[in-house]
Protein backbone atom coordinates (compact mmCIF):
# COMPACT_ATOMS: atom_id res chain seq x y z
CA MET A 1 0.03 0.22 -0.21
CA ARG A 2 1.53 3.68 -1.23
CA VAL A 3 1.26 6.24 0.95
CA GLN A 4 -0.93 8.32 -1.52
CA GLU A 5 -3.28 5.51 -1.19
CA ILE A 6 -3.38 5.98 2.64
CA ARG A 7 -3.67 9.55 2.78
CA THR A 8 -7.01 9.09 0.81
CA PHE A 9 -8.42 7.02 3.64
CA GLY A 10 -10.74 8.69 7.01
CA SER A 11 -9.62 8.26 10.37
CA MET A 12 -11.62 5.76 11.23
CA GLU A 13 -10.22 3.87 8.13
CA LEU A 14 -6.89 4.38 9.19
CA GLU A 15 -7.42 3.07 12.86
CA ASN A 16 -9.54 -0.20 11.33
CA LYS A 17 -6.24 -0.85 8.67
CA LEU A 18 -3.81 -0.22 11.67
CA ASN A 19 -5.54 -2.88 13.78
CA GLU A 20 -5.67 -4.82 11.00
CA SER A 21 -2.19 -5.06 10.09
CA TYR A 22 -1.11 -5.38 13.67
CA ARG A 23 -3.41 -8.41 13.80
CA GLU A 24 -1.87 -9.98 10.68
CA LEU A 25 1.31 -9.16 11.93
CA PHE A 26 0.10 -11.10 15.14
CA ASN A 27 -0.39 -14.15 12.48
CA LEU A 28 2.60 -13.84 10.45
CA ARG A 29 4.75 -14.23 13.89
CA PHE A 30 3.13 -16.71 14.74
CA ARG A 31 3.42 -19.11 11.95
CA LEU A 32 6.64 -18.11 11.96
CA SER A 33 7.43 -19.17 15.15
CA THR A 34 5.65 -22.34 14.65
CA ARG A 35 7.67 -22.76 10.91
CA GLN A 36 4.56 -22.43 8.87
CA LEU A 37 5.64 -19.31 7.33
CA VAL A 38 7.34 -19.82 3.94
CA ASN A 39 7.81 -15.85 2.43
CA TYR A 40 9.58 -14.44 5.70
CA HIS A 41 9.72 -11.05 3.27
CA GLU A 42 5.72 -10.04 4.26
CA ILE A 43 6.42 -9.29 8.30
CA GLY A 44 8.66 -6.59 7.03
CA LYS A 45 5.64 -5.29 4.25
CA VAL A 46 3.17 -5.31 7.35
CA LYS A 47 5.86 -3.62 9.84
CA LYS A 48 6.36 -0.67 6.81
CA ARG A 49 2.48 -0.58 6.26
CA ILE A 50 2.17 0.01 9.81
CA ALA A 51 4.76 2.80 10.11
CA ARG A 52 3.08 4.38 7.12
CA ILE A 53 0.11 3.90 8.72
CA LYS A 54 1.22 5.81 11.89
CA THR A 55 2.90 8.32 10.03
CA VAL A 56 -0.19 9.75 7.90
CA MET A 57 -2.10 9.51 11.36
CA ARG A 58 0.60 11.77 13.21
CA GLU A 59 0.50 14.23 10.04
CA ILE A 60 -3.31 14.53 10.30
CA GLU A 61 -2.83 14.96 14.10
CA LEU A 62 -0.30 17.44 13.68
CA SER A 63 -2.50 19.47 11.05
CA THR A 64 -5.47 19.58 12.81
CA GLU A 65 -3.92 21.22 15.91
CA GLU A 66 -2.29 24.04 13.80
C-alpha cells in the first residue's frame, strides 16, 4: 500500500487498517514461530505498512492542531 493510497482514507479507516495490520503481523509472527511461514519478507512489508499508517495518522494529527 502506497502513501498516496493511505492518505485518501479517513481517520476511522486508518484506525481499522492499523488494527488489521497489527493482527496480520501477529499471525505472521505466530506462523514464523511454528515454522509454517514460507515468505519471511511479509513480516517486513507489514511492519512498513504499519509505520506508513502511523506516519499519516501523525501528519493528520499535527495538521489539525495548527
